[in-house]
Amino acid sequence: SVVPKEDLLNAVGLQSAVFNAASTVGPALAGITVDRVGLPANFFLNAISFLAVLVALLSLRSTKSSRQIKRPKLINRIAEALVTVKRDSILPWLLLSYGVLLFSGPSLPLLLPVLAVRNLHISASDLGFLFSAAGLGAVLGAVAMASLSDKVQKSPIVFGAFALWTSSLIFVAFSNAVLPAFVALIALGMSQNVVGTVTSTLLQLCVPHDQRGRVLSLNTLLIHGRARLGDFPAGLFISMWGPFTAAAGAMIVGLTALFVFIRSLALRSF
């Protein structure tokens, strides 16, 4: 309701760019401070940084509403959101692909430390720069989506992002040098941000206004729920077989995206 529909993709991309900017600088600074002052001091500095957030939250003033709104049960609201998504011709396929990406692709906090020790043999500061590479890629992807015209067909961009994500993760898994891994992580962050931005935009455009918040919560559930569930088996497999496990996860994502793209005519044409 704040942004016109034709500008929604650009607005989501701009918001994502601002959000991911911190993930570009933060890991690099953390790596440097770990090398200089150690882990305890690094955690202490991180804790201090949250004071600004707490001060901002304490300064907020909320207005109490006199109306008592009767809300349905949580399980009923989730069920309504799922039914709304199921009725659409694009969203079920897109959420399936995005969910498989989040579940099967190991998160970088799991993958990169193992890669740094077993393949690259680098210091904490270099590891921080690798994390920053993914953040930089996410910012670049967000800026690209923010500058994209609303009239451009989105399906080739989404499928291309899935293909780039798959290939870059495989490349990261087999990297033995810092520079190639850095470049591949930029591509990885960029592609995942593109998929996430398009998914978030379509979740707002393709559903009724009264269901928008509930449907968007499914996206949050995917990001913070299914991805964390996937981290458990991914962590187990990475500890057993090393970074090469990421290549298997990437293949699952790539094959799922290809299957969805072939099966869904609506997704190919949007």
Protein backbone atom coordinates (compact mmCIF):
# COMPACT_ATOMS: atom_id res chain seq x y z
CA SER A 1 0.00 0.00 0.00
CA VAL A 2 3.01 2.31 0.41
CA VAL A 3 4.63 1.56 -2.96
CA PRO A 4 2.77 1.32 -6.31
CA LYS A 5 2.64 -2.20 -7.77
CA GLU A 6 4.75 -1.27 -10.77
CA ASP A 7 7.55 -0.08 -8.44
CA LEU A 8 7.33 -2.90 -5.90
CA LEU A 9 10.19 -4.98 -7.33
CA ASN A 10 12.46 -1.93 -7.27
CA ALA A 11 11.43 -1.10 -3.69
CA VAL A 12 12.08 -4.66 -2.46
CA GLY A 13 15.46 -4.62 -4.19
CA LEU A 14 16.36 -1.27 -2.61
CA GLN A 15 15.34 -2.49 0.85
CA SER A 16 17.42 -5.62 0.36
CA ALA A 17 20.44 -3.55 -0.69
CA VAL A 18 20.26 -1.50 2.51
CA PHE A 19 19.79 -4.63 4.62
CA ASN A 20 22.71 -6.51 3.04
CA ALA A 21 25.12 -3.57 3.14
CA ALA A 22 26.03 -4.47 6.71
CA SER A 23 26.85 -8.04 5.67
CA THR A 24 29.49 -6.65 3.33
CA VAL A 25 31.46 -4.66 5.92
CA GLY A 26 30.70 -6.57 9.13
CA PRO A 27 32.39 -9.93 8.42
CA ALA A 28 35.56 -8.26 7.15
CA LEU A 29 35.80 -6.15 10.31
CA ALA A 30 35.09 -9.22 12.45
CA GLY A 31 37.88 -11.17 10.78
CA ILE A 32 40.36 -8.36 11.38
CA THR A 33 39.39 -7.94 15.04
CA VAL A 34 39.59 -11.70 15.67
CA ASP A 35 43.18 -11.69 14.40
CA ARG A 36 44.07 -8.56 16.41
CA VAL A 37 42.22 -8.90 19.74
CA GLY A 38 40.83 -12.45 19.78
CA LEU A 39 37.36 -13.98 19.89
CA PRO A 40 36.19 -12.80 23.37
CA ALA A 41 36.88 -9.15 22.56
CA ASN A 42 35.21 -9.57 19.19
CA PHE A 43 32.01 -10.87 20.80
CA PHE A 44 32.16 -8.01 23.32
CA LEU A 45 32.37 -5.43 20.52
CA ASN A 46 29.47 -7.10 18.75
CA ALA A 47 27.37 -6.94 21.91
CA ILE A 48 28.11 -3.22 22.30
CA SER A 49 26.91 -2.60 18.74
CA PHE A 50 23.43 -3.76 19.77
CA LEU A 51 23.13 -0.89 22.25
CA ALA A 52 22.21 1.47 19.41
CA VAL A 53 19.39 -0.87 18.40
CA LEU A 54 18.11 -1.07 21.98
CA VAL A 55 18.16 2.72 22.33
CA ALA A 56 16.18 3.07 19.09
CA LEU A 57 13.60 0.52 20.25
CA LEU A 58 13.19 2.21 23.63
CA SER A 59 12.57 5.54 21.94
CA LEU A 60 9.60 4.19 19.96
CA ARG A 61 6.16 5.28 21.11
CA SER A 62 3.16 3.12 20.29
CA THR A 63 -0.47 4.23 20.27
CA LYS A 64 -2.92 1.83 21.90
CA SER A 65 -6.01 1.06 19.89
CA SER A 66 -9.37 1.15 21.64
CA ARG A 67 -10.78 -1.53 19.33
CA GLN A 68 -10.38 -5.16 20.25
CA ILE A 69 -9.66 -7.13 17.10
CA LYS A 70 -10.56 -10.81 17.25
CA ARG A 71 -7.83 -12.76 15.52
CA PRO A 72 -8.16 -16.35 14.33
CA LYS A 73 -5.91 -19.05 15.72
CA LEU A 74 -2.35 -19.21 14.44
CA ILE A 75 -2.84 -22.57 12.76
CA ASN A 76 -5.90 -21.21 10.93
CA ARG A 77 -3.96 -18.19 9.69
CA ILE A 78 -1.17 -20.43 8.38
CA ALA A 79 -3.74 -22.66 6.67
CA GLU A 80 -5.36 -19.63 4.99
CA ALA A 81 -1.97 -18.48 3.70
CA LEU A 82 -1.22 -21.94 2.27
CA VAL A 83 -4.62 -22.09 0.56
CA THR A 84 -4.06 -18.63 -0.93
CA VAL A 85 -0.68 -19.67 -2.32
CA LYS A 86 -2.09 -22.94 -3.69
CA ARG A 87 -4.73 -21.08 -5.70
CA ASP A 88 -2.09 -19.12 -7.60
CA SER A 89 -0.50 -20.57 -10.74
CA ILE A 90 3.04 -19.29 -10.05
CA LEU A 91 3.62 -19.13 -6.30
CA PRO A 92 3.55 -22.88 -5.45
CA TRP A 93 6.27 -23.65 -8.00
CA LEU A 94 8.38 -20.63 -7.06
CA LEU A 95 8.16 -21.38 -3.33
CA LEU A 96 9.04 -25.02 -4.00
CA SER A 97 12.22 -24.01 -5.83
CA TYR A 98 13.16 -21.37 -3.26
CA GLY A 99 12.47 -23.77 -0.39
CA VAL A 100 14.70 -26.46 -1.91
CA LEU A 101 17.43 -23.85 -2.42
CA LEU A 102 17.29 -22.83 1.24
CA PHE A 103 17.10 -26.41 2.53
CA SER A 104 19.59 -28.18 0.27
CA GLY A 105 22.17 -25.44 -0.05
CA PRO A 106 24.35 -25.35 3.10
CA SER A 107 24.50 -21.94 4.76
CA LEU A 108 27.78 -20.08 4.51
CA PRO A 109 28.48 -20.09 8.29
CA LEU A 110 28.60 -23.89 7.98
CA LEU A 111 30.49 -24.14 4.70
CA LEU A 112 33.10 -21.39 4.76
CA PRO A 113 34.94 -22.25 8.02
CA VAL A 114 35.40 -25.85 6.81
CA LEU A 115 36.48 -24.59 3.40
CA ALA A 116 38.96 -22.21 5.03
CA VAL A 117 40.56 -24.97 7.12
CA ARG A 118 40.54 -27.92 4.71
CA ASN A 119 40.96 -26.34 1.28
CA LEU A 120 42.22 -22.77 1.56
CA HIS A 121 44.27 -22.81 4.81
CA ILE A 122 43.61 -19.13 5.52
CA SER A 123 43.45 -16.87 8.59
CA ALA A 124 40.38 -15.45 10.32
CA SER A 125 40.73 -12.11 8.52
CA ASP A 126 40.75 -13.82 5.12
CA LEU A 127 37.70 -15.84 6.17
CA GLY A 128 35.95 -12.59 7.07
CA PHE A 129 36.62 -11.25 3.58
CA LEU A 130 35.08 -14.40 2.08
CA PHE A 131 31.91 -13.79 4.09
CA SER A 132 31.96 -10.19 2.88
CA ALA A 133 32.13 -11.42 -0.72
CA ALA A 134 28.72 -13.06 -0.36
CA GLY A 135 27.38 -9.85 1.20
CA LEU A 136 28.81 -7.80 -1.64
CA GLY A 137 27.13 -10.11 -4.15
CA ALA A 138 23.82 -9.74 -2.33
CA VAL A 139 24.11 -5.94 -2.51
CA LEU A 140 24.94 -6.07 -6.23
CA GLY A 141 21.98 -8.36 -6.87
CA ALA A 142 19.69 -6.08 -4.90
CA VAL A 143 20.87 -2.98 -6.77
CA ALA A 144 20.34 -4.78 -10.09
CA MET A 145 16.78 -5.71 -9.12
CA ALA A 146 16.10 -2.19 -7.84
CA SER A 147 17.04 -0.76 -11.25
CA LEU A 148 15.08 -3.34 -13.26
CA SER A 149 12.10 -2.20 -15.33
CA ASP A 150 8.71 -3.58 -14.34
CA LYS A 151 8.05 -4.56 -17.97
CA VAL A 152 11.04 -6.94 -18.18
CA GLN A 153 10.12 -10.64 -18.19
CA LYS A 154 11.18 -12.11 -14.85
CA SER A 155 11.25 -15.87 -15.57
CA PRO A 156 14.58 -15.91 -17.48
CA ILE A 157 16.14 -13.85 -14.68
CA VAL A 158 14.91 -16.26 -12.00
CA PHE A 159 16.00 -19.37 -13.87
CA GLY A 160 19.35 -17.75 -14.68
CA ALA A 161 19.79 -16.93 -10.98
CA PHE A 162 19.14 -20.56 -10.04
CA ALA A 163 21.69 -21.72 -12.64
CA LEU A 164 24.25 -19.18 -11.39
CA TRP A 165 23.63 -20.20 -7.77
CA THR A 166 24.15 -23.88 -8.60
CA SER A 167 27.33 -23.38 -10.60
CA SER A 168 28.88 -20.89 -8.17
CA LEU A 169 28.25 -23.13 -5.15
CA ILE A 170 29.88 -26.08 -6.95
CA PHE A 171 32.82 -23.81 -7.81
CA VAL A 172 33.15 -22.70 -4.17
CA ALA A 173 33.12 -26.32 -2.98
CA PHE A 174 36.08 -27.21 -5.19
CA SER A 175 38.06 -23.97 -4.70
CA ASN A 176 41.67 -24.24 -3.57
CA ALA A 177 42.55 -20.53 -3.80
CA VAL A 178 41.09 -17.45 -2.15
CA LEU A 179 40.55 -15.27 -5.22
CA PRO A 180 38.43 -17.79 -7.22
CA ALA A 181 36.41 -18.53 -4.08
CA PHE A 182 35.90 -14.78 -3.50
CA VAL A 183 34.55 -14.28 -7.04
CA ALA A 184 32.31 -17.35 -6.81
CA LEU A 185 30.88 -16.16 -3.49
CA ILE A 186 30.00 -12.79 -5.04
CA ALA A 187 28.05 -14.68 -7.72
CA LEU A 188 26.45 -16.88 -5.06
CA GLY A 189 25.25 -13.94 -2.99
CA MET A 190 23.98 -12.12 -6.06
CA SER A 191 21.97 -15.07 -7.38
CA GLN A 192 20.37 -15.92 -4.04
CA ASN A 193 19.35 -12.30 -3.52
CA VAL A 194 17.75 -12.14 -6.98
CA VAL A 195 15.66 -15.25 -6.26
CA GLY A 196 14.67 -13.93 -2.84
CA THR A 197 13.73 -10.49 -4.16
CA VAL A 198 11.53 -11.86 -6.95
CA THR A 199 9.88 -14.32 -4.54
CA SER A 200 9.11 -11.61 -1.99
CA THR A 201 7.74 -9.31 -4.71
CA LEU A 202 5.44 -11.93 -6.22
CA LEU A 203 4.15 -12.93 -2.79
CA GLN A 204 2.87 -9.37 -2.44
CA LEU A 205 1.59 -8.92 -5.99
CA CYS A 206 -0.22 -12.22 -6.53
CA VAL A 207 -2.34 -12.40 -3.38
CA PRO A 208 -5.29 -10.38 -2.03
CA HIS A 209 -4.44 -7.43 0.18
CA ASP A 210 -5.98 -8.98 3.32
CA GLN A 211 -3.80 -12.10 2.93
CA ARG A 212 -0.55 -10.33 2.11
CA GLY A 213 0.92 -10.34 5.61
CA ARG A 214 0.10 -14.00 6.19
CA VAL A 215 1.54 -15.07 2.85
CA LEU A 216 4.69 -13.02 3.43
CA SER A 217 5.11 -14.86 6.72
CA LEU A 218 5.56 -18.04 4.67
CA ASN A 219 8.59 -16.42 3.08
CA THR A 220 9.97 -15.63 6.54
CA LEU A 221 9.26 -19.22 7.58
CA LEU A 222 11.20 -20.48 4.57
CA ILE A 223 14.21 -18.27 5.26
CA HIS A 224 14.44 -18.76 9.03
CA GLY A 225 12.79 -22.17 9.34
CA ARG A 226 13.53 -24.49 6.47
CA ALA A 227 17.05 -23.13 6.05
CA ARG A 228 17.82 -23.90 9.71
CA LEU A 229 16.32 -27.38 9.37
CA GLY A 230 18.57 -27.96 6.39
CA ASP A 231 21.63 -26.83 8.35
CA PHE A 232 21.42 -29.88 10.62
CA PRO A 233 21.98 -32.58 7.96
CA ALA A 234 24.26 -30.22 6.02
CA GLY A 235 26.48 -29.74 9.07
CA LEU A 236 26.63 -33.50 9.59
CA PHE A 237 27.56 -34.21 5.98
CA ILE A 238 30.10 -31.38 5.79
CA SER A 239 31.83 -32.65 8.94
CA MET A 240 32.05 -36.12 7.35
CA TRP A 241 32.88 -35.33 3.74
CA GLY A 242 33.99 -31.71 3.75
CA PRO A 243 33.01 -28.83 1.44
CA PHE A 244 32.31 -31.20 -1.45
CA THR A 245 28.93 -31.86 0.19
CA ALA A 246 27.90 -28.41 -1.04
CA ALA A 247 28.25 -29.62 -4.62
CA ALA A 248 25.64 -32.32 -3.99
CA GLY A 249 23.27 -29.75 -2.50
CA ALA A 250 23.83 -27.49 -5.49
CA MET A 251 22.94 -30.30 -7.87
CA ILE A 252 19.67 -30.91 -6.01
CA VAL A 253 18.79 -27.22 -6.30
CA GLY A 254 19.69 -27.09 -9.98
CA LEU A 255 17.68 -30.18 -10.89
CA THR A 256 14.67 -28.94 -8.90
CA ALA A 257 14.76 -25.56 -10.63
CA LEU A 258 15.00 -27.25 -14.03
CA PHE A 259 12.06 -29.54 -13.20
CA VAL A 260 9.92 -26.62 -12.03
CA PHE A 261 10.81 -24.51 -15.06
CA ILE A 262 9.82 -27.34 -17.42
CA ARG A 263 6.58 -28.23 -15.61
CA SER A 264 5.19 -24.75 -14.91
CA LEU A 265 4.05 -22.87 -18.00
CA ALA A 266 2.87 -19.96 -15.83
CA LEU A 267 6.32 -19.62 -14.26
CA ARG A 268 8.02 -19.64 -17.66
CA SER A 269 5.79 -16.87 -18.99
CA PHE A 270 5.66 -14.36 -16.11
